[in-house]
Amino acid sequence: MKLRRKIVLIVEYDGTRYQGFQWQVNAPTIQGEIESALTNIMKDPVRVVGASRTDSGAHAKGQVVSFRTTVPLPTESWRKALNFYLPQDIAVREAYETEDSFDVRRSAVSREYAYSIVNRGSRSPLRSRFAHLVFEPLHVEAMNQACQVLLGEHDFAPFCTTAPGPTVRRIFDARVRQESDLVVFEVIGNSFLPHQIRNIVGGLIRVGLGKLGVEVFWELAQSRQAGVVGPAAPACGLCLMKVNYPDFPPQGRQNEDV
């Protein structure tokens, strides 16, 4: 009897031409491309699990994906073989073998996202795939003041209209920083509702433009009324930066990117 192994991948991708991470019928997805590459290697269909279901058009630097296999390839060989079959806008950065009990979704303690905004009077062709363009100057200090209401455990229904279940989440950190003409919203939370971050950013942009007061943003955020903060910022600026676990990656093992 062959030993069944669990392989965990750290995946980076440009999500521009994909309908999100999760597999869909007759639509290109990140999950679909990874599964197709694995099928080429293993010669059998395989299903993968992702730590976060990123939106259509959103990106990732540190998505975490797992699958089970009986194929006795070393982890480094999995990385190289997958990168051979994957399209150029998806790459496996690292590969590890873990205990079967490790769950890339349920074992995660937090997820880190960044949302990038180019804030200048002309478009940026070099950054248009990875940042939302806002022509008028943003008041970053006001946006940071508005962020403070997000910290802690709250009902985030105001930032979501299609939650499939409970809407209480915990935010560990949320801030806006500016580097020249780039404004970046950074947030760390235990998990996020569908479109939650993009709706937060949409509201923060209105605050930054002076169209929504900080106090009003706070009132709406605490209202528990579904979908009252937004509109959702475009997916192009959103990137899953990292998923954090208490005991992953395994200590004493580092992979080099190709």
C-alpha atoms as a PDB file:
ATOM      1  CA  MET A   1       0.000   0.000   0.000  1.00  0.00           C
ATOM      2  CA  LYS A   2       1.434   3.369  -1.046  1.00  0.00           C
ATOM      3  CA  LEU A   3       1.822   6.077   1.579  1.00  0.00           C
ATOM      4  CA  ARG A   4      -0.578   8.982   1.107  1.00  0.00           C
ATOM      5  CA  ARG A   5       1.230  12.301   1.565  1.00  0.00           C
ATOM      6  CA  LYS A   6      -0.018  15.861   2.012  1.00  0.00           C
ATOM      7  CA  ILE A   7       1.888  18.470  -0.012  1.00  0.00           C
ATOM      8  CA  VAL A   8       1.427  22.165   0.757  1.00  0.00           C
ATOM      9  CA  LEU A   9       2.347  24.889  -1.739  1.00  0.00           C
ATOM     10  CA  ILE A  10       2.957  28.631  -1.416  1.00  0.00           C
ATOM     11  CA  VAL A  11       1.595  30.111  -4.647  1.00  0.00           C
ATOM     12  CA  GLU A  12       1.974  33.530  -6.273  1.00  0.00           C
ATOM     13  CA  TYR A  13      -0.260  34.693  -9.100  1.00  0.00           C
ATOM     14  CA  ASP A  14      -1.461  37.563 -11.235  1.00  0.00           C
ATOM     15  CA  GLY A  15      -5.213  37.041 -11.110  1.00  0.00           C
ATOM     16  CA  THR A  16      -6.102  39.459 -13.923  1.00  0.00           C
ATOM     17  CA  ARG A  17      -7.358  36.888 -16.396  1.00  0.00           C
ATOM     18  CA  TYR A  18      -8.912  34.484 -13.884  1.00  0.00           C
ATOM     19  CA  GLN A  19     -12.385  34.255 -12.364  1.00  0.00           C
ATOM     20  CA  GLY A  20     -10.972  34.003  -8.860  1.00  0.00           C
ATOM     21  CA  PHE A  21      -9.222  31.133  -7.096  1.00  0.00           C
ATOM     22  CA  GLN A  22     -12.082  28.654  -6.752  1.00  0.00           C
ATOM     23  CA  TRP A  23     -12.801  26.192  -9.569  1.00  0.00           C
ATOM     24  CA  GLN A  24     -15.723  27.040 -11.839  1.00  0.00           C
ATOM     25  CA  VAL A  25     -17.351  25.351 -14.816  1.00  0.00           C
ATOM     26  CA  ASN A  26     -16.239  26.854 -18.145  1.00  0.00           C
ATOM     27  CA  ALA A  27     -14.229  29.664 -16.545  1.00  0.00           C
ATOM     28  CA  PRO A  28     -10.476  30.030 -15.994  1.00  0.00           C
ATOM     29  CA  THR A  29      -9.509  29.889 -12.307  1.00  0.00           C
ATOM     30  CA  ILE A  30      -6.311  29.552 -10.294  1.00  0.00           C
ATOM     31  CA  GLN A  31      -7.496  26.279  -8.763  1.00  0.00           C
ATOM     32  CA  GLY A  32      -8.309  24.920 -12.208  1.00  0.00           C
ATOM     33  CA  GLU A  33      -4.834  25.707 -13.544  1.00  0.00           C
ATOM     34  CA  ILE A  34      -3.093  24.127 -10.543  1.00  0.00           C
ATOM     35  CA  GLU A  35      -5.233  21.009 -10.783  1.00  0.00           C
ATOM     36  CA  SER A  36      -4.542  20.766 -14.516  1.00  0.00           C
ATOM     37  CA  ALA A  37      -0.790  20.983 -13.881  1.00  0.00           C
ATOM     38  CA  LEU A  38      -1.010  18.318 -11.173  1.00  0.00           C
ATOM     39  CA  THR A  39      -2.974  16.025 -13.474  1.00  0.00           C
ATOM     40  CA  ASN A  40      -0.178  16.303 -16.036  1.00  0.00           C
ATOM     41  CA  ILE A  41       2.294  15.179 -13.378  1.00  0.00           C
ATOM     42  CA  MET A  42       0.231  12.537 -11.577  1.00  0.00           C
ATOM     43  CA  LYS A  43      -1.750  11.280 -14.621  1.00  0.00           C
ATOM     44  CA  ASP A  44      -4.903  11.255 -12.489  1.00  0.00           C
ATOM     45  CA  PRO A  45      -7.402  13.991 -11.584  1.00  0.00           C
ATOM     46  CA  VAL A  46      -6.660  15.676  -8.274  1.00  0.00           C
ATOM     47  CA  ARG A  47      -8.460  18.275  -6.163  1.00  0.00           C
ATOM     48  CA  VAL A  48      -6.609  21.025  -4.292  1.00  0.00           C
ATOM     49  CA  VAL A  49      -7.709  23.174  -1.353  1.00  0.00           C
ATOM     50  CA  GLY A  50      -6.816  26.866  -1.025  1.00  0.00           C
ATOM     51  CA  ALA A  51      -6.521  28.915   2.153  1.00  0.00           C
ATOM     52  CA  SER A  52      -8.449  31.841   0.672  1.00  0.00           C
ATOM     53  CA  ARG A  53     -10.994  32.169  -2.140  1.00  0.00           C
ATOM     54  CA  THR A  54      -9.602  35.297  -3.757  1.00  0.00           C
ATOM     55  CA  ASP A  55     -11.929  37.375  -5.949  1.00  0.00           C
ATOM     56  CA  SER A  56     -12.068  37.421  -9.714  1.00  0.00           C
ATOM     57  CA  GLY A  57      -9.178  39.634 -10.853  1.00  0.00           C
ATOM     58  CA  ALA A  58      -7.453  39.693  -7.451  1.00  0.00           C
ATOM     59  CA  HIS A  59      -3.856  38.589  -6.936  1.00  0.00           C
ATOM     60  CA  ALA A  60      -1.762  36.663  -4.427  1.00  0.00           C
ATOM     61  CA  LYS A  61       1.818  36.655  -3.255  1.00  0.00           C
ATOM     62  CA  GLY A  62       1.297  34.014  -0.561  1.00  0.00           C
ATOM     63  CA  GLN A  63      -1.732  31.835  -1.296  1.00  0.00           C
ATOM     64  CA  VAL A  64      -1.465  28.449   0.450  1.00  0.00           C
ATOM     65  CA  VAL A  65      -2.687  25.341  -1.376  1.00  0.00           C
ATOM     66  CA  SER A  66      -2.686  21.661  -0.400  1.00  0.00           C
ATOM     67  CA  PHE A  67      -3.292  18.311  -2.052  1.00  0.00           C
ATOM     68  CA  ARG A  68      -2.827  14.623  -1.267  1.00  0.00           C
ATOM     69  CA  THR A  69      -0.785  12.211  -3.339  1.00  0.00           C
ATOM     70  CA  THR A  70       0.940   8.826  -3.323  1.00  0.00           C
ATOM     71  CA  VAL A  71       3.560   9.985  -5.847  1.00  0.00           C
ATOM     72  CA  PRO A  72       6.994   9.824  -4.111  1.00  0.00           C
ATOM     73  CA  LEU A  73       8.434  13.058  -5.547  1.00  0.00           C
ATOM     74  CA  PRO A  74      10.624  15.224  -3.259  1.00  0.00           C
ATOM     75  CA  THR A  75       8.978  18.541  -2.381  1.00  0.00           C
ATOM     76  CA  GLU A  76      11.479  20.525  -4.451  1.00  0.00           C
ATOM     77  CA  SER A  77      10.606  18.392  -7.461  1.00  0.00           C
ATOM     78  CA  TRP A  78       6.918  19.221  -6.984  1.00  0.00           C
ATOM     79  CA  ARG A  79       7.763  22.915  -7.155  1.00  0.00           C
ATOM     80  CA  LYS A  80       9.828  22.579 -10.315  1.00  0.00           C
ATOM     81  CA  ALA A  81       7.415  20.226 -12.055  1.00  0.00           C
ATOM     82  CA  LEU A  82       4.382  22.403 -11.326  1.00  0.00           C
ATOM     83  CA  ASN A  83       6.148  25.550 -12.527  1.00  0.00           C
ATOM     84  CA  PHE A  84       6.951  23.735 -15.774  1.00  0.00           C
ATOM     85  CA  TYR A  85       3.249  23.096 -16.468  1.00  0.00           C
ATOM     86  CA  LEU A  86       1.700  26.229 -14.959  1.00  0.00           C
ATOM     87  CA  PRO A  87       1.086  29.349 -17.098  1.00  0.00           C
ATOM     88  CA  GLN A  88       3.450  32.288 -16.680  1.00  0.00           C
ATOM     89  CA  ASP A  89       1.060  34.242 -14.436  1.00  0.00           C
ATOM     90  CA  ILE A  90       0.992  31.492 -11.755  1.00  0.00           C
ATOM     91  CA  ALA A  91       4.027  30.137  -9.897  1.00  0.00           C
ATOM     92  CA  VAL A  92       4.739  27.854  -6.950  1.00  0.00           C
ATOM     93  CA  ARG A  93       7.213  29.642  -4.706  1.00  0.00           C
ATOM     94  CA  GLU A  94       7.684  26.905  -2.102  1.00  0.00           C
ATOM     95  CA  ALA A  95       6.581  23.320  -1.443  1.00  0.00           C
ATOM     96  CA  TYR A  96       6.450  21.362   1.818  1.00  0.00           C
ATOM     97  CA  GLU A  97       5.245  18.009   3.082  1.00  0.00           C
ATOM     98  CA  THR A  98       3.074  18.266   6.200  1.00  0.00           C
ATOM     99  CA  GLU A  99       1.101  16.079   8.577  1.00  0.00           C
ATOM    100  CA  ASP A 100      -2.237  15.014   7.146  1.00  0.00           C
ATOM    101  CA  SER A 101      -4.012  16.856   9.972  1.00  0.00           C
ATOM    102  CA  PHE A 102      -2.732  20.227   8.699  1.00  0.00           C
ATOM    103  CA  ASP A 103      -5.637  22.133   7.101  1.00  0.00           C
ATOM    104  CA  VAL A 104      -4.704  25.171   5.019  1.00  0.00           C
ATOM    105  CA  ARG A 105      -8.039  26.840   5.860  1.00  0.00           C
ATOM    106  CA  ARG A 106      -8.903  25.803   9.408  1.00  0.00           C
ATOM    107  CA  SER A 107      -5.321  25.810  10.729  1.00  0.00           C
ATOM    108  CA  ALA A 108      -4.765  29.431   9.673  1.00  0.00           C
ATOM    109  CA  VAL A 109      -4.704  32.002  12.484  1.00  0.00           C
ATOM    110  CA  SER A 110      -4.701  35.080  10.226  1.00  0.00           C
ATOM    111  CA  ARG A 111      -4.587  36.315   6.651  1.00  0.00           C
ATOM    112  CA  GLU A 112      -2.778  39.423   5.430  1.00  0.00           C
ATOM    113  CA  TYR A 113      -4.041  41.462   2.492  1.00  0.00           C
ATOM    114  CA  ALA A 114      -2.879  44.653   0.801  1.00  0.00           C
ATOM    115  CA  TYR A 115      -4.897  46.924  -1.464  1.00  0.00           C
ATOM    116  CA  SER A 116      -2.912  49.275  -3.724  1.00  0.00           C
ATOM    117  CA  ILE A 117      -4.108  52.611  -5.075  1.00  0.00           C
ATOM    118  CA  VAL A 118      -2.237  54.787  -7.561  1.00  0.00           C
ATOM    119  CA  ASN A 119      -3.120  58.308  -6.485  1.00  0.00           C
ATOM    120  CA  ARG A 120      -2.157  60.806  -9.185  1.00  0.00           C
ATOM    121  CA  GLY A 121      -3.643  62.840 -12.009  1.00  0.00           C
ATOM    122  CA  SER A 122      -2.659  60.470 -14.813  1.00  0.00           C
ATOM    123  CA  ARG A 123      -2.977  56.734 -15.322  1.00  0.00           C
ATOM    124  CA  SER A 124      -0.078  54.332 -14.697  1.00  0.00           C
ATOM    125  CA  PRO A 125       0.188  51.760 -17.508  1.00  0.00           C
ATOM    126  CA  LEU A 126       2.878  49.801 -15.646  1.00  0.00           C
ATOM    127  CA  ARG A 127       0.701  49.375 -12.542  1.00  0.00           C
ATOM    128  CA  SER A 128      -2.819  49.222 -13.975  1.00  0.00           C
ATOM    129  CA  ARG A 129      -3.089  45.433 -13.507  1.00  0.00           C
ATOM    130  CA  PHE A 130      -2.189  45.643  -9.810  1.00  0.00           C
ATOM    131  CA  ALA A 131      -3.531  48.959  -8.512  1.00  0.00           C
ATOM    132  CA  HIS A 132      -6.734  50.992  -8.630  1.00  0.00           C
ATOM    133  CA  LEU A 133      -6.339  54.521 -10.018  1.00  0.00           C
ATOM    134  CA  VAL A 134      -7.759  57.488  -8.068  1.00  0.00           C
ATOM    135  CA  PHE A 135      -7.104  60.850  -9.745  1.00  0.00           C
ATOM    136  CA  GLU A 136      -7.978  63.251  -6.910  1.00  0.00           C
ATOM    137  CA  PRO A 137      -5.637  63.533  -3.874  1.00  0.00           C
ATOM    138  CA  LEU A 138      -6.500  61.259  -0.951  1.00  0.00           C
ATOM    139  CA  HIS A 139      -6.385  62.418   2.670  1.00  0.00           C
ATOM    140  CA  VAL A 140      -4.427  59.469   4.080  1.00  0.00           C
ATOM    141  CA  GLU A 141      -4.585  60.686   7.686  1.00  0.00           C
ATOM    142  CA  ALA A 142      -8.402  60.710   7.591  1.00  0.00           C
ATOM    143  CA  MET A 143      -8.397  57.235   6.060  1.00  0.00           C
ATOM    144  CA  ASN A 144      -6.203  55.995   8.914  1.00  0.00           C
ATOM    145  CA  GLN A 145      -8.537  57.533  11.477  1.00  0.00           C
ATOM    146  CA  ALA A 146     -11.444  55.718   9.843  1.00  0.00           C
ATOM    147  CA  CYS A 147      -9.502  52.423   9.985  1.00  0.00           C
ATOM    148  CA  GLN A 148      -9.485  52.399  13.777  1.00  0.00           C
ATOM    149  CA  VAL A 149     -13.134  51.337  13.941  1.00  0.00           C
ATOM    150  CA  LEU A 150     -12.209  48.091  12.199  1.00  0.00           C
ATOM    151  CA  LEU A 151      -9.888  46.832  14.932  1.00  0.00           C
ATOM    152  CA  GLY A 152     -11.064  43.997  17.161  1.00  0.00           C
ATOM    153  CA  GLU A 153     -13.973  41.590  16.853  1.00  0.00           C
ATOM    154  CA  HIS A 154     -17.059  43.062  15.184  1.00  0.00           C
ATOM    155  CA  ASP A 155     -20.034  42.289  13.019  1.00  0.00           C
ATOM    156  CA  PHE A 156     -18.762  43.182   9.547  1.00  0.00           C
ATOM    157  CA  ALA A 157     -22.128  42.821   7.805  1.00  0.00           C
ATOM    158  CA  PRO A 158     -21.960  46.532   6.767  1.00  0.00           C
ATOM    159  CA  PHE A 159     -19.068  45.575   4.466  1.00  0.00           C
ATOM    160  CA  CYS A 160     -20.777  42.564   2.868  1.00  0.00           C
ATOM    161  CA  THR A 161     -24.077  41.881   1.118  1.00  0.00           C
ATOM    162  CA  THR A 162     -23.757  38.148   0.388  1.00  0.00           C
ATOM    163  CA  ALA A 163     -22.398  36.542   3.561  1.00  0.00           C
ATOM    164  CA  PRO A 164     -23.183  32.792   3.598  1.00  0.00           C
ATOM    165  CA  GLY A 165     -23.223  32.611   7.400  1.00  0.00           C
ATOM    166  CA  PRO A 166     -22.132  34.499  10.529  1.00  0.00           C
ATOM    167  CA  THR A 167     -20.613  37.914   9.805  1.00  0.00           C
ATOM    168  CA  VAL A 168     -18.485  38.386  12.931  1.00  0.00           C
ATOM    169  CA  ARG A 169     -14.754  38.561  12.217  1.00  0.00           C
ATOM    170  CA  ARG A 170     -11.640  39.770  14.046  1.00  0.00           C
ATOM    171  CA  ILE A 171      -9.263  42.378  12.624  1.00  0.00           C
ATOM    172  CA  PHE A 172      -5.808  42.449  14.238  1.00  0.00           C
ATOM    173  CA  ASP A 173      -4.378  45.387  12.298  1.00  0.00           C
ATOM    174  CA  ALA A 174      -5.587  47.862   9.662  1.00  0.00           C
ATOM    175  CA  ARG A 175      -3.735  50.885   8.334  1.00  0.00           C
ATOM    176  CA  VAL A 176      -3.138  53.063   5.292  1.00  0.00           C
ATOM    177  CA  ARG A 177       0.355  54.075   4.219  1.00  0.00           C
ATOM    178  CA  GLN A 178       1.590  56.277   1.395  1.00  0.00           C
ATOM    179  CA  GLU A 179       4.796  56.063  -0.626  1.00  0.00           C
ATOM    180  CA  SER A 180       4.969  58.820  -3.218  1.00  0.00           C
ATOM    181  CA  ASP A 181       1.889  58.336  -5.444  1.00  0.00           C
ATOM    182  CA  LEU A 182       1.088  54.857  -4.082  1.00  0.00           C
ATOM    183  CA  VAL A 183      -1.463  54.524  -1.265  1.00  0.00           C
ATOM    184  CA  VAL A 184      -1.725  51.057   0.291  1.00  0.00           C
ATOM    185  CA  PHE A 185      -4.357  49.715   2.695  1.00  0.00           C
ATOM    186  CA  GLU A 186      -2.954  46.828   4.753  1.00  0.00           C
ATOM    187  CA  VAL A 187      -5.157  44.583   6.879  1.00  0.00           C
ATOM    188  CA  ILE A 188      -4.661  41.441   8.972  1.00  0.00           C
ATOM    189  CA  GLY A 189      -7.656  39.417  10.135  1.00  0.00           C
ATOM    190  CA  ASN A 190      -8.613  35.912  11.175  1.00  0.00           C
ATOM    191  CA  SER A 191     -10.719  35.626   8.011  1.00  0.00           C
ATOM    192  CA  PHE A 192     -12.787  37.848   5.730  1.00  0.00           C
ATOM    193  CA  LEU A 193     -16.282  37.934   4.279  1.00  0.00           C
ATOM    194  CA  PRO A 194     -16.875  37.978   0.508  1.00  0.00           C
ATOM    195  CA  HIS A 195     -15.810  41.404  -0.859  1.00  0.00           C
ATOM    196  CA  GLN A 196     -15.266  42.678   2.701  1.00  0.00           C
ATOM    197  CA  ILE A 197     -11.862  44.222   2.023  1.00  0.00           C
ATOM    198  CA  ARG A 198     -12.900  45.795  -1.274  1.00  0.00           C
ATOM    199  CA  ASN A 199     -15.961  47.361   0.402  1.00  0.00           C
ATOM    200  CA  ILE A 200     -13.772  48.665   3.226  1.00  0.00           C
ATOM    201  CA  VAL A 201     -11.426  50.236   0.678  1.00  0.00           C
ATOM    202  CA  GLY A 202     -14.360  51.692  -1.247  1.00  0.00           C
ATOM    203  CA  GLY A 203     -15.545  53.394   1.944  1.00  0.00           C
ATOM    204  CA  LEU A 204     -12.032  54.558   2.838  1.00  0.00           C
ATOM    205  CA  ILE A 205     -11.588  56.114  -0.595  1.00  0.00           C
ATOM    206  CA  ARG A 206     -14.776  58.119  -0.032  1.00  0.00           C
ATOM    207  CA  VAL A 207     -13.335  59.244   3.320  1.00  0.00           C
ATOM    208  CA  GLY A 208     -10.029  60.142   1.678  1.00  0.00           C
ATOM    209  CA  LEU A 209     -11.807  62.212  -0.960  1.00  0.00           C
ATOM    210  CA  GLY A 210     -13.872  64.066   1.654  1.00  0.00           C
ATOM    211  CA  LYS A 211     -17.128  62.544   0.425  1.00  0.00           C
ATOM    212  CA  LEU A 212     -17.723  60.632   3.676  1.00  0.00           C
ATOM    213  CA  GLY A 213     -16.811  61.886   7.142  1.00  0.00           C
ATOM    214  CA  VAL A 214     -14.758  59.744   9.503  1.00  0.00           C
ATOM    215  CA  GLU A 215     -17.570  59.846  12.055  1.00  0.00           C
ATOM    216  CA  VAL A 216     -20.129  58.718   9.477  1.00  0.00           C
ATOM    217  CA  PHE A 217     -17.813  55.875   8.387  1.00  0.00           C
ATOM    218  CA  TRP A 218     -17.608  54.778  12.034  1.00  0.00           C
ATOM    219  CA  GLU A 219     -21.399  54.921  12.429  1.00  0.00           C
ATOM    220  CA  LEU A 220     -21.984  52.870   9.284  1.00  0.00           C
ATOM    221  CA  ALA A 221     -19.296  50.349  10.264  1.00  0.00           C
ATOM    222  CA  GLN A 222     -21.007  49.789  13.630  1.00  0.00           C
ATOM    223  CA  SER A 223     -24.571  49.733  12.273  1.00  0.00           C
ATOM    224  CA  ARG A 224     -24.761  45.957  11.585  1.00  0.00           C
ATOM    225  CA  GLN A 225     -26.770  46.798   8.468  1.00  0.00           C
ATOM    226  CA  ALA A 226     -25.703  44.642   5.535  1.00  0.00           C
ATOM    227  CA  GLY A 227     -23.848  46.295   2.686  1.00  0.00           C
ATOM    228  CA  VAL A 228     -24.081  49.936   3.774  1.00  0.00           C
ATOM    229  CA  VAL A 229     -20.358  50.665   3.269  1.00  0.00           C
ATOM    230  CA  GLY A 230     -18.875  50.802  -0.222  1.00  0.00           C
ATOM    231  CA  PRO A 231     -19.059  50.690  -3.167  1.00  0.00           C
ATOM    232  CA  ALA A 232     -16.527  47.897  -3.571  1.00  0.00           C
ATOM    233  CA  ALA A 233     -13.187  48.991  -4.984  1.00  0.00           C
ATOM    234  CA  PRO A 234     -12.063  47.108  -8.127  1.00  0.00           C
ATOM    235  CA  ALA A 235     -10.405  43.727  -7.583  1.00  0.00           C
ATOM    236  CA  CYS A 236      -7.225  44.685  -9.462  1.00  0.00           C
ATOM    237  CA  GLY A 237      -5.732  46.406  -6.386  1.00  0.00           C
ATOM    238  CA  LEU A 238      -6.268  43.484  -3.999  1.00  0.00           C
ATOM    239  CA  CYS A 239      -3.493  41.021  -3.141  1.00  0.00           C
ATOM    240  CA  LEU A 240      -3.352  38.171  -0.615  1.00  0.00           C
ATOM    241  CA  MET A 241       0.098  38.726   0.889  1.00  0.00           C
ATOM    242  CA  LYS A 242       0.396  35.935   3.454  1.00  0.00           C
ATOM    243  CA  VAL A 243      -1.480  33.301   5.426  1.00  0.00           C
ATOM    244  CA  ASN A 244      -0.187  32.759   8.968  1.00  0.00           C
ATOM    245  CA  TYR A 245      -0.112  29.478  10.902  1.00  0.00           C
ATOM    246  CA  PRO A 246       1.203  28.564  14.366  1.00  0.00           C
ATOM    247  CA  ASP A 247       3.489  25.792  13.067  1.00  0.00           C
ATOM    248  CA  PHE A 248       3.910  26.276   9.327  1.00  0.00           C
ATOM    249  CA  PRO A 249       6.165  26.461   7.343  1.00  0.00           C
ATOM    250  CA  PRO A 250       8.230  23.734   9.010  1.00  0.00           C
ATOM    251  CA  GLN A 251      11.363  25.069  10.687  1.00  0.00           C
ATOM    252  CA  GLY A 252      14.764  24.470   9.157  1.00  0.00           C
ATOM    253  CA  ARG A 253      13.602  24.298   5.548  1.00  0.00           C
ATOM    254  CA  GLN A 254      13.785  27.128   3.041  1.00  0.00           C
ATOM    255  CA  ASN A 255      13.079  26.973  -0.686  1.00  0.00           C
ATOM    256  CA  GLU A 256      14.641  29.328  -3.192  1.00  0.00           C
ATOM    257  CA  ASP A 257      12.426  30.889  -5.832  1.00  0.00           C
ATOM    258  CA  VAL A 258      13.094  30.094  -9.496  1.00  0.00           C
END
